[in-house]
Amino acid sequence: MTRKPRSDRHALYEQAVQSPETEIDLLTRVLRRTGHPSRRLREDFSGTALLSATWVTSRADRTAVAVDRDRAVHDWARQHRLGELGPAARRLRLVESDVRAGPRGPFDAILALNFSYQVFHTRADLRDYLVNARRALAPGGLMMIDAFGGWLTQRGLTERRRLPGAATYVWDHESFDPITHRIRCSIHFELADGRRLRRAFSYDWRLWTLPELTELFEEVGFEDVEILWDVEPRGVEPRYLPRRRAQTRGAWLAYLVARRPRRRA
């Protein structure tokens, strides 16, 4: 394990974007509500495997498989993350693979967060991914993804947020095509010493809508598809609960959870 420099883009990303304890807690609560075990996790598009690491350290009986096709991010995790975990590192496996060919499991849960599934621009490609994810779940297992939207996401937009340590996180909506829903976004970091990590991360996504996602999950055989919506007003700590309808906002974040049927199919 090595010390992470203040200009490390992966460390800055984790600090700016990820909320591992909150999201693992949310997943655990949904699994508990459905009565399904919460031991075996697959984290797709895992990046530096922060969610997987949080999962295995939260309970001694938990295992995780972090799947990403980018060898560099797993090399980063081997260098900076696994040593922090102590004995729990033996319960976390890093797999370099396209998520559509990820390990079969069976898993109690599959996470695909930070909107990374939106790299699939066509319905056929996203459907293929969901079919393979469903097969990898144990009967009764859950899949959870996140989604974002609102009218502000469909125009040029730049947001800045100061991070602890004096770096500034910059989220940049560069373009949106209303015909294809293709959205291009970038993350920049402005460092305390005046340097700028421009395009530290760049994304070419399709902005999928909640009805499209719900219909695709149901089409490939998931059950009990729910949208978890933030029920708190803006500026209050988010609280996500199942909702069938909601008032739109300029920008919103929601989670979709779906269950593989308990019968084998």
C-alpha atoms as a PDB file:
ATOM      1  CA  MET A   1       0.000   0.000   0.000  1.00  0.00           C
ATOM      2  CA  THR A   2       1.280   3.449  -0.901  1.00  0.00           C
ATOM      3  CA  ARG A   3       0.289   6.938   0.159  1.00  0.00           C
ATOM      4  CA  LYS A   4      -2.217   8.539  -2.224  1.00  0.00           C
ATOM      5  CA  PRO A   5      -0.981  11.904  -3.526  1.00  0.00           C
ATOM      6  CA  ARG A   6      -3.375  14.851  -3.282  1.00  0.00           C
ATOM      7  CA  SER A   7      -3.494  14.940  -7.082  1.00  0.00           C
ATOM      8  CA  ASP A   8      -4.520  11.272  -7.437  1.00  0.00           C
ATOM      9  CA  ARG A   9      -7.609  11.382  -9.655  1.00  0.00           C
ATOM     10  CA  HIS A  10      -9.008   8.113  -8.313  1.00  0.00           C
ATOM     11  CA  ALA A  11      -8.728   9.225  -4.691  1.00  0.00           C
ATOM     12  CA  LEU A  12     -10.327  12.570  -5.587  1.00  0.00           C
ATOM     13  CA  TYR A  13     -13.154  10.770  -7.416  1.00  0.00           C
ATOM     14  CA  GLU A  14     -13.915   8.589  -4.402  1.00  0.00           C
ATOM     15  CA  GLN A  15     -13.984  11.630  -2.154  1.00  0.00           C
ATOM     16  CA  ALA A  16     -16.171  13.686  -4.481  1.00  0.00           C
ATOM     17  CA  VAL A  17     -18.599  11.176  -5.937  1.00  0.00           C
ATOM     18  CA  GLN A  18     -18.971   8.032  -3.877  1.00  0.00           C
ATOM     19  CA  SER A  19     -20.966   7.415  -0.675  1.00  0.00           C
ATOM     20  CA  PRO A  20     -20.152   3.764   0.000  1.00  0.00           C
ATOM     21  CA  GLU A  21     -21.538   3.425   3.528  1.00  0.00           C
ATOM     22  CA  THR A  22     -24.836   5.055   2.528  1.00  0.00           C
ATOM     23  CA  GLU A  23     -25.295   2.898  -0.565  1.00  0.00           C
ATOM     24  CA  ILE A  24     -24.304  -0.360   1.124  1.00  0.00           C
ATOM     25  CA  ASP A  25     -26.712   0.475   3.942  1.00  0.00           C
ATOM     26  CA  LEU A  26     -29.484   1.142   1.415  1.00  0.00           C
ATOM     27  CA  LEU A  27     -28.847  -2.160  -0.355  1.00  0.00           C
ATOM     28  CA  THR A  28     -28.740  -4.050   2.950  1.00  0.00           C
ATOM     29  CA  ARG A  29     -32.051  -2.540   4.055  1.00  0.00           C
ATOM     30  CA  VAL A  30     -33.748  -3.544   0.785  1.00  0.00           C
ATOM     31  CA  LEU A  31     -32.383  -7.095   1.054  1.00  0.00           C
ATOM     32  CA  ARG A  32     -33.569  -7.301   4.659  1.00  0.00           C
ATOM     33  CA  ARG A  33     -37.029  -6.098   3.643  1.00  0.00           C
ATOM     34  CA  THR A  34     -37.292  -8.842   1.022  1.00  0.00           C
ATOM     35  CA  GLY A  35     -36.002 -11.511   3.398  1.00  0.00           C
ATOM     36  CA  HIS A  36     -33.035 -12.407   1.205  1.00  0.00           C
ATOM     37  CA  PRO A  37     -29.513 -13.068   2.539  1.00  0.00           C
ATOM     38  CA  SER A  38     -26.940 -10.312   2.115  1.00  0.00           C
ATOM     39  CA  ARG A  39     -23.604 -12.097   1.896  1.00  0.00           C
ATOM     40  CA  ARG A  40     -22.434 -12.361  -1.736  1.00  0.00           C
ATOM     41  CA  LEU A  41     -22.014  -9.141  -3.758  1.00  0.00           C
ATOM     42  CA  ARG A  42     -20.983  -8.468  -7.327  1.00  0.00           C
ATOM     43  CA  GLU A  43     -20.020  -4.865  -8.045  1.00  0.00           C
ATOM     44  CA  ASP A  44     -20.146  -4.124 -11.779  1.00  0.00           C
ATOM     45  CA  PHE A  45     -18.200  -1.223 -13.311  1.00  0.00           C
ATOM     46  CA  SER A  46     -16.366  -1.358  -9.997  1.00  0.00           C
ATOM     47  CA  GLY A  47     -13.577   1.128 -10.661  1.00  0.00           C
ATOM     48  CA  THR A  48     -11.378   1.109  -7.559  1.00  0.00           C
ATOM     49  CA  ALA A  49     -13.697  -1.357  -5.758  1.00  0.00           C
ATOM     50  CA  LEU A  50     -14.617   1.027  -2.959  1.00  0.00           C
ATOM     51  CA  LEU A  51     -18.143  -0.369  -2.626  1.00  0.00           C
ATOM     52  CA  SER A  52     -16.860  -3.950  -2.552  1.00  0.00           C
ATOM     53  CA  ALA A  53     -14.331  -3.043   0.127  1.00  0.00           C
ATOM     54  CA  THR A  54     -17.029  -1.370   2.208  1.00  0.00           C
ATOM     55  CA  TRP A  55     -19.213  -4.464   1.822  1.00  0.00           C
ATOM     56  CA  VAL A  56     -16.605  -6.980   3.012  1.00  0.00           C
ATOM     57  CA  THR A  57     -15.559  -4.838   5.977  1.00  0.00           C
ATOM     58  CA  SER A  58     -19.146  -4.321   7.123  1.00  0.00           C
ATOM     59  CA  ARG A  59     -19.600  -7.968   8.155  1.00  0.00           C
ATOM     60  CA  ALA A  60     -17.280 -10.918   8.557  1.00  0.00           C
ATOM     61  CA  ASP A  61     -19.417 -13.292   6.463  1.00  0.00           C
ATOM     62  CA  ARG A  62     -19.575 -11.075   3.386  1.00  0.00           C
ATOM     63  CA  THR A  63     -17.733 -11.643   0.099  1.00  0.00           C
ATOM     64  CA  ALA A  64     -17.489  -9.431  -2.969  1.00  0.00           C
ATOM     65  CA  VAL A  65     -16.400  -9.672  -6.586  1.00  0.00           C
ATOM     66  CA  ALA A  66     -15.483  -6.368  -8.233  1.00  0.00           C
ATOM     67  CA  VAL A  67     -15.794  -6.445 -12.030  1.00  0.00           C
ATOM     68  CA  ASP A  68     -14.241  -3.885 -14.360  1.00  0.00           C
ATOM     69  CA  ARG A  69     -12.603  -4.232 -17.755  1.00  0.00           C
ATOM     70  CA  ASP A  70     -10.060  -1.483 -16.991  1.00  0.00           C
ATOM     71  CA  ARG A  71      -6.932  -3.153 -15.621  1.00  0.00           C
ATOM     72  CA  ALA A  72      -5.552   0.190 -14.445  1.00  0.00           C
ATOM     73  CA  VAL A  73      -8.268   0.784 -11.840  1.00  0.00           C
ATOM     74  CA  HIS A  74      -7.789  -2.691 -10.388  1.00  0.00           C
ATOM     75  CA  ASP A  75      -4.042  -2.144 -10.312  1.00  0.00           C
ATOM     76  CA  TRP A  76      -4.793   1.008  -8.315  1.00  0.00           C
ATOM     77  CA  ALA A  77      -6.990  -1.010  -5.953  1.00  0.00           C
ATOM     78  CA  ARG A  78      -4.254  -3.606  -5.456  1.00  0.00           C
ATOM     79  CA  GLN A  79      -1.766  -0.864  -4.657  1.00  0.00           C
ATOM     80  CA  HIS A  80      -3.929   1.389  -2.476  1.00  0.00           C
ATOM     81  CA  ARG A  81      -6.965  -0.549  -1.248  1.00  0.00           C
ATOM     82  CA  LEU A  82      -6.316  -4.195  -0.504  1.00  0.00           C
ATOM     83  CA  GLY A  83      -3.618  -3.497   2.057  1.00  0.00           C
ATOM     84  CA  GLU A  84      -6.052  -1.340   4.039  1.00  0.00           C
ATOM     85  CA  LEU A  85      -8.490  -4.226   4.413  1.00  0.00           C
ATOM     86  CA  GLY A  86      -6.323  -6.623   6.376  1.00  0.00           C
ATOM     87  CA  PRO A  87      -7.809 -10.151   6.541  1.00  0.00           C
ATOM     88  CA  ALA A  88     -11.000  -8.920   4.815  1.00  0.00           C
ATOM     89  CA  ALA A  89      -9.000  -8.572   1.577  1.00  0.00           C
ATOM     90  CA  ARG A  90      -9.219 -12.359   1.187  1.00  0.00           C
ATOM     91  CA  ARG A  91     -12.986 -11.977   0.738  1.00  0.00           C
ATOM     92  CA  LEU A  92     -12.696  -9.464  -2.116  1.00  0.00           C
ATOM     93  CA  ARG A  93     -11.847 -10.666  -5.620  1.00  0.00           C
ATOM     94  CA  LEU A  94     -10.940  -8.326  -8.493  1.00  0.00           C
ATOM     95  CA  VAL A  95     -12.050  -9.585 -11.915  1.00  0.00           C
ATOM     96  CA  GLU A  96     -11.038  -7.879 -15.154  1.00  0.00           C
ATOM     97  CA  SER A  97     -13.890  -8.534 -17.565  1.00  0.00           C
ATOM     98  CA  ASP A  98     -16.646  -6.968 -19.595  1.00  0.00           C
ATOM     99  CA  VAL A  99     -19.592  -6.912 -17.199  1.00  0.00           C
ATOM    100  CA  ARG A 100     -21.687  -8.787 -19.787  1.00  0.00           C
ATOM    101  CA  ALA A 101     -19.373 -11.736 -19.247  1.00  0.00           C
ATOM    102  CA  GLY A 102     -18.945 -11.287 -15.513  1.00  0.00           C
ATOM    103  CA  PRO A 103     -18.754 -14.136 -12.990  1.00  0.00           C
ATOM    104  CA  ARG A 104     -21.936 -16.223 -12.747  1.00  0.00           C
ATOM    105  CA  GLY A 105     -22.167 -16.414  -8.967  1.00  0.00           C
ATOM    106  CA  PRO A 106     -24.732 -17.027  -7.647  1.00  0.00           C
ATOM    107  CA  PHE A 107     -24.794 -13.624  -5.945  1.00  0.00           C
ATOM    108  CA  ASP A 108     -27.239 -12.201  -3.449  1.00  0.00           C
ATOM    109  CA  ALA A 109     -26.902  -8.744  -4.985  1.00  0.00           C
ATOM    110  CA  ILE A 110     -25.420  -6.986  -7.997  1.00  0.00           C
ATOM    111  CA  LEU A 111     -24.626  -3.271  -7.895  1.00  0.00           C
ATOM    112  CA  ALA A 112     -24.092  -1.097 -10.971  1.00  0.00           C
ATOM    113  CA  LEU A 113     -23.768   2.442  -9.623  1.00  0.00           C
ATOM    114  CA  ASN A 114     -22.399   5.811 -10.682  1.00  0.00           C
ATOM    115  CA  PHE A 115     -24.545   5.506 -13.843  1.00  0.00           C
ATOM    116  CA  SER A 116     -21.861   3.460 -15.599  1.00  0.00           C
ATOM    117  CA  TYR A 117     -24.366   1.136 -17.301  1.00  0.00           C
ATOM    118  CA  GLN A 118     -25.235   4.151 -19.452  1.00  0.00           C
ATOM    119  CA  VAL A 119     -22.215   3.291 -21.600  1.00  0.00           C
ATOM    120  CA  PHE A 120     -24.735   1.013 -23.332  1.00  0.00           C
ATOM    121  CA  HIS A 121     -26.292   3.257 -25.970  1.00  0.00           C
ATOM    122  CA  THR A 122     -28.680   0.750 -27.513  1.00  0.00           C
ATOM    123  CA  ARG A 123     -31.592  -1.129 -26.053  1.00  0.00           C
ATOM    124  CA  ALA A 124     -30.128  -4.416 -27.298  1.00  0.00           C
ATOM    125  CA  ASP A 125     -26.805  -3.865 -25.504  1.00  0.00           C
ATOM    126  CA  LEU A 126     -28.399  -2.845 -22.214  1.00  0.00           C
ATOM    127  CA  ARG A 127     -30.839  -5.741 -22.438  1.00  0.00           C
ATOM    128  CA  ASP A 128     -27.976  -8.172 -23.006  1.00  0.00           C
ATOM    129  CA  TYR A 129     -26.252  -6.858 -19.878  1.00  0.00           C
ATOM    130  CA  LEU A 130     -29.387  -7.203 -17.754  1.00  0.00           C
ATOM    131  CA  VAL A 131     -30.014 -10.748 -18.995  1.00  0.00           C
ATOM    132  CA  ASN A 132     -26.525 -11.787 -17.931  1.00  0.00           C
ATOM    133  CA  ALA A 133     -26.809 -10.005 -14.594  1.00  0.00           C
ATOM    134  CA  ARG A 134     -30.096 -11.736 -13.846  1.00  0.00           C
ATOM    135  CA  ARG A 135     -28.551 -15.137 -14.547  1.00  0.00           C
ATOM    136  CA  ALA A 136     -25.753 -14.395 -12.084  1.00  0.00           C
ATOM    137  CA  LEU A 137     -28.154 -13.708  -9.215  1.00  0.00           C
ATOM    138  CA  ALA A 138     -29.385 -16.340  -6.812  1.00  0.00           C
ATOM    139  CA  PRO A 139     -33.171 -16.829  -6.876  1.00  0.00           C
ATOM    140  CA  GLY A 140     -34.567 -13.932  -4.857  1.00  0.00           C
ATOM    141  CA  GLY A 141     -31.383 -11.882  -5.318  1.00  0.00           C
ATOM    142  CA  LEU A 142     -31.484  -8.160  -6.046  1.00  0.00           C
ATOM    143  CA  MET A 143     -29.951  -5.848  -8.592  1.00  0.00           C
ATOM    144  CA  MET A 144     -29.603  -2.136  -7.801  1.00  0.00           C
ATOM    145  CA  ILE A 145     -28.660   0.689 -10.174  1.00  0.00           C
ATOM    146  CA  ASP A 146     -28.848   4.462  -9.920  1.00  0.00           C
ATOM    147  CA  ALA A 147     -30.258   6.973 -12.390  1.00  0.00           C
ATOM    148  CA  PHE A 148     -30.383  10.730 -12.743  1.00  0.00           C
ATOM    149  CA  GLY A 149     -32.519  13.211 -14.629  1.00  0.00           C
ATOM    150  CA  GLY A 150     -34.424  16.491 -14.494  1.00  0.00           C
ATOM    151  CA  TRP A 151     -34.540  19.418 -16.875  1.00  0.00           C
ATOM    152  CA  LEU A 152     -31.138  20.732 -15.797  1.00  0.00           C
ATOM    153  CA  THR A 153     -29.483  17.534 -17.055  1.00  0.00           C
ATOM    154  CA  GLN A 154     -30.602  18.301 -20.593  1.00  0.00           C
ATOM    155  CA  ARG A 155     -28.607  21.486 -21.031  1.00  0.00           C
ATOM    156  CA  GLY A 156     -25.082  22.714 -20.567  1.00  0.00           C
ATOM    157  CA  LEU A 157     -24.286  22.854 -16.888  1.00  0.00           C
ATOM    158  CA  THR A 158     -21.212  23.270 -14.703  1.00  0.00           C
ATOM    159  CA  GLU A 159     -21.310  22.639 -10.944  1.00  0.00           C
ATOM    160  CA  ARG A 160     -18.479  23.175  -8.459  1.00  0.00           C
ATOM    161  CA  ARG A 161     -18.099  21.763  -4.960  1.00  0.00           C
ATOM    162  CA  ARG A 162     -15.210  22.297  -2.560  1.00  0.00           C
ATOM    163  CA  LEU A 163     -13.756  19.097  -1.114  1.00  0.00           C
ATOM    164  CA  PRO A 164     -11.947  18.625   2.211  1.00  0.00           C
ATOM    165  CA  GLY A 165      -8.280  19.321   1.546  1.00  0.00           C
ATOM    166  CA  ALA A 166      -8.995  22.404  -0.605  1.00  0.00           C
ATOM    167  CA  ALA A 167      -9.496  20.661  -3.977  1.00  0.00           C
ATOM    168  CA  THR A 168     -12.616  21.607  -5.962  1.00  0.00           C
ATOM    169  CA  TYR A 169     -14.749  19.053  -7.794  1.00  0.00           C
ATOM    170  CA  VAL A 170     -16.234  20.251 -11.103  1.00  0.00           C
ATOM    171  CA  TRP A 171     -19.083  18.371 -12.825  1.00  0.00           C
ATOM    172  CA  ASP A 172     -19.510  19.473 -16.432  1.00  0.00           C
ATOM    173  CA  HIS A 173     -22.488  18.654 -18.690  1.00  0.00           C
ATOM    174  CA  GLU A 174     -20.939  19.305 -22.067  1.00  0.00           C
ATOM    175  CA  SER A 175     -23.742  18.321 -24.433  1.00  0.00           C
ATOM    176  CA  PHE A 176     -27.116  16.582 -24.657  1.00  0.00           C
ATOM    177  CA  ASP A 177     -28.903  15.336 -27.784  1.00  0.00           C
ATOM    178  CA  PRO A 178     -32.699  15.212 -27.281  1.00  0.00           C
ATOM    179  CA  ILE A 179     -33.185  12.812 -30.210  1.00  0.00           C
ATOM    180  CA  THR A 180     -30.723  10.128 -29.077  1.00  0.00           C
ATOM    181  CA  HIS A 181     -30.441  11.098 -25.370  1.00  0.00           C
ATOM    182  CA  ARG A 182     -26.691  10.957 -25.805  1.00  0.00           C
ATOM    183  CA  ILE A 183     -25.076  12.957 -23.032  1.00  0.00           C
ATOM    184  CA  ARG A 184     -21.420  13.878 -22.674  1.00  0.00           C
ATOM    185  CA  CYS A 185     -20.073  14.772 -19.249  1.00  0.00           C
ATOM    186  CA  SER A 186     -16.693  15.327 -17.642  1.00  0.00           C
ATOM    187  CA  ILE A 187     -15.224  15.634 -14.177  1.00  0.00           C
ATOM    188  CA  HIS A 188     -12.439  18.141 -13.567  1.00  0.00           C
ATOM    189  CA  PHE A 189     -10.523  18.819 -10.370  1.00  0.00           C
ATOM    190  CA  GLU A 190      -9.049  22.181  -9.385  1.00  0.00           C
ATOM    191  CA  LEU A 191      -6.213  21.617  -6.929  1.00  0.00           C
ATOM    192  CA  ALA A 192      -5.130  23.797  -4.026  1.00  0.00           C
ATOM    193  CA  ASP A 193      -1.821  24.624  -5.738  1.00  0.00           C
ATOM    194  CA  GLY A 194      -3.598  26.082  -8.767  1.00  0.00           C
ATOM    195  CA  ARG A 195      -3.235  23.064 -11.038  1.00  0.00           C
ATOM    196  CA  ARG A 196      -6.280  21.743 -12.859  1.00  0.00           C
ATOM    197  CA  LEU A 197      -6.929  18.115 -13.701  1.00  0.00           C
ATOM    198  CA  ARG A 198      -9.045  18.791 -16.752  1.00  0.00           C
ATOM    199  CA  ARG A 199     -11.155  15.850 -17.937  1.00  0.00           C
ATOM    200  CA  ALA A 200      -9.906  13.633 -15.151  1.00  0.00           C
ATOM    201  CA  PHE A 201     -12.885  11.485 -16.148  1.00  0.00           C
ATOM    202  CA  SER A 202     -15.043  11.795 -19.272  1.00  0.00           C
ATOM    203  CA  TYR A 203     -18.281  10.006 -20.110  1.00  0.00           C
ATOM    204  CA  ASP A 204     -20.187   9.337 -23.307  1.00  0.00           C
ATOM    205  CA  TRP A 205     -23.538   8.000 -22.074  1.00  0.00           C
ATOM    206  CA  ARG A 206     -27.117   7.492 -23.094  1.00  0.00           C
ATOM    207  CA  LEU A 207     -29.357   9.143 -20.510  1.00  0.00           C
ATOM    208  CA  TRP A 208     -31.832   6.329 -19.892  1.00  0.00           C
ATOM    209  CA  THR A 209     -35.225   7.235 -18.424  1.00  0.00           C
ATOM    210  CA  LEU A 210     -36.861   5.469 -15.489  1.00  0.00           C
ATOM    211  CA  PRO A 211     -39.754   4.070 -17.592  1.00  0.00           C
ATOM    212  CA  GLU A 212     -37.279   2.639 -20.114  1.00  0.00           C
ATOM    213  CA  LEU A 213     -35.230   1.023 -17.367  1.00  0.00           C
ATOM    214  CA  THR A 214     -38.275  -0.360 -15.552  1.00  0.00           C
ATOM    215  CA  GLU A 215     -39.652  -1.899 -18.740  1.00  0.00           C
ATOM    216  CA  LEU A 216     -36.300  -3.471 -19.646  1.00  0.00           C
ATOM    217  CA  PHE A 217     -35.879  -5.031 -16.202  1.00  0.00           C
ATOM    218  CA  GLU A 218     -39.370  -6.513 -16.385  1.00  0.00           C
ATOM    219  CA  GLU A 219     -38.849  -7.685 -19.962  1.00  0.00           C
ATOM    220  CA  VAL A 220     -35.784  -9.771 -19.066  1.00  0.00           C
ATOM    221  CA  GLY A 221     -37.558 -11.432 -16.148  1.00  0.00           C
ATOM    222  CA  PHE A 222     -36.970  -9.345 -13.032  1.00  0.00           C
ATOM    223  CA  GLU A 223     -39.815  -8.942 -10.548  1.00  0.00           C
ATOM    224  CA  ASP A 224     -40.825  -6.344  -7.976  1.00  0.00           C
ATOM    225  CA  VAL A 225     -39.105  -3.502  -9.832  1.00  0.00           C
ATOM    226  CA  GLU A 226     -39.121  -0.440  -7.556  1.00  0.00           C
ATOM    227  CA  ILE A 227     -37.962   3.138  -7.840  1.00  0.00           C
ATOM    228  CA  LEU A 228     -36.413   4.473  -4.635  1.00  0.00           C
ATOM    229  CA  TRP A 229     -36.993   8.238  -4.655  1.00  0.00           C
ATOM    230  CA  ASP A 230     -35.535  10.904  -2.375  1.00  0.00           C
ATOM    231  CA  VAL A 231     -38.514  12.002  -0.285  1.00  0.00           C
ATOM    232  CA  GLU A 232     -36.714  14.840   1.514  1.00  0.00           C
ATOM    233  CA  PRO A 233     -36.678  18.467   0.303  1.00  0.00           C
ATOM    234  CA  ARG A 234     -33.591  19.895  -1.326  1.00  0.00           C
ATOM    235  CA  GLY A 235     -30.836  20.647   1.177  1.00  0.00           C
ATOM    236  CA  VAL A 236     -31.892  17.886   3.579  1.00  0.00           C
ATOM    237  CA  GLU A 237     -29.991  14.598   3.856  1.00  0.00           C
ATOM    238  CA  PRO A 238     -31.527  12.296   1.200  1.00  0.00           C
ATOM    239  CA  ARG A 239     -33.880   9.497   2.252  1.00  0.00           C
ATOM    240  CA  TYR A 240     -34.852   7.017  -0.453  1.00  0.00           C
ATOM    241  CA  LEU A 241     -38.205   5.235  -0.279  1.00  0.00           C
ATOM    242  CA  PRO A 242     -40.274   3.294  -2.862  1.00  0.00           C
ATOM    243  CA  ARG A 243     -42.488   5.601  -4.908  1.00  0.00           C
ATOM    244  CA  ARG A 244     -44.760   5.105  -7.924  1.00  0.00           C
ATOM    245  CA  ARG A 245     -45.108   8.833  -8.638  1.00  0.00           C
ATOM    246  CA  ALA A 246     -43.020  11.892  -7.859  1.00  0.00           C
ATOM    247  CA  GLN A 247     -42.791  15.616  -8.506  1.00  0.00           C
ATOM    248  CA  THR A 248     -40.087  16.454 -11.007  1.00  0.00           C
ATOM    249  CA  ARG A 249     -37.083  18.553 -10.080  1.00  0.00           C
ATOM    250  CA  GLY A 250     -34.385  20.388 -11.961  1.00  0.00           C
ATOM    251  CA  ALA A 251     -32.023  17.583 -11.031  1.00  0.00           C
ATOM    252  CA  TRP A 252     -32.784  14.323  -9.253  1.00  0.00           C
ATOM    253  CA  LEU A 253     -31.079  11.068  -8.315  1.00  0.00           C
ATOM    254  CA  ALA A 254     -32.976   7.821  -7.809  1.00  0.00           C
ATOM    255  CA  TYR A 255     -32.256   4.112  -7.386  1.00  0.00           C
ATOM    256  CA  LEU A 256     -33.917   1.208  -9.146  1.00  0.00           C
ATOM    257  CA  VAL A 257     -34.025  -2.170  -7.420  1.00  0.00           C
ATOM    258  CA  ALA A 258     -35.336  -5.393  -8.924  1.00  0.00           C
ATOM    259  CA  ARG A 259     -35.512  -9.011  -7.794  1.00  0.00           C
ATOM    260  CA  ARG A 260     -34.797 -12.222  -9.623  1.00  0.00           C
ATOM    261  CA  PRO A 261     -37.808 -14.518  -9.096  1.00  0.00           C
ATOM    262  CA  ARG A 262     -37.385 -17.006  -6.281  1.00  0.00           C
ATOM    263  CA  ARG A 263     -38.326 -19.857  -8.587  1.00  0.00           C
ATOM    264  CA  ARG A 264     -35.491 -20.895 -10.878  1.00  0.00           C
ATOM    265  CA  ALA A 265     -36.079 -19.831 -14.462  1.00  0.00           C
END
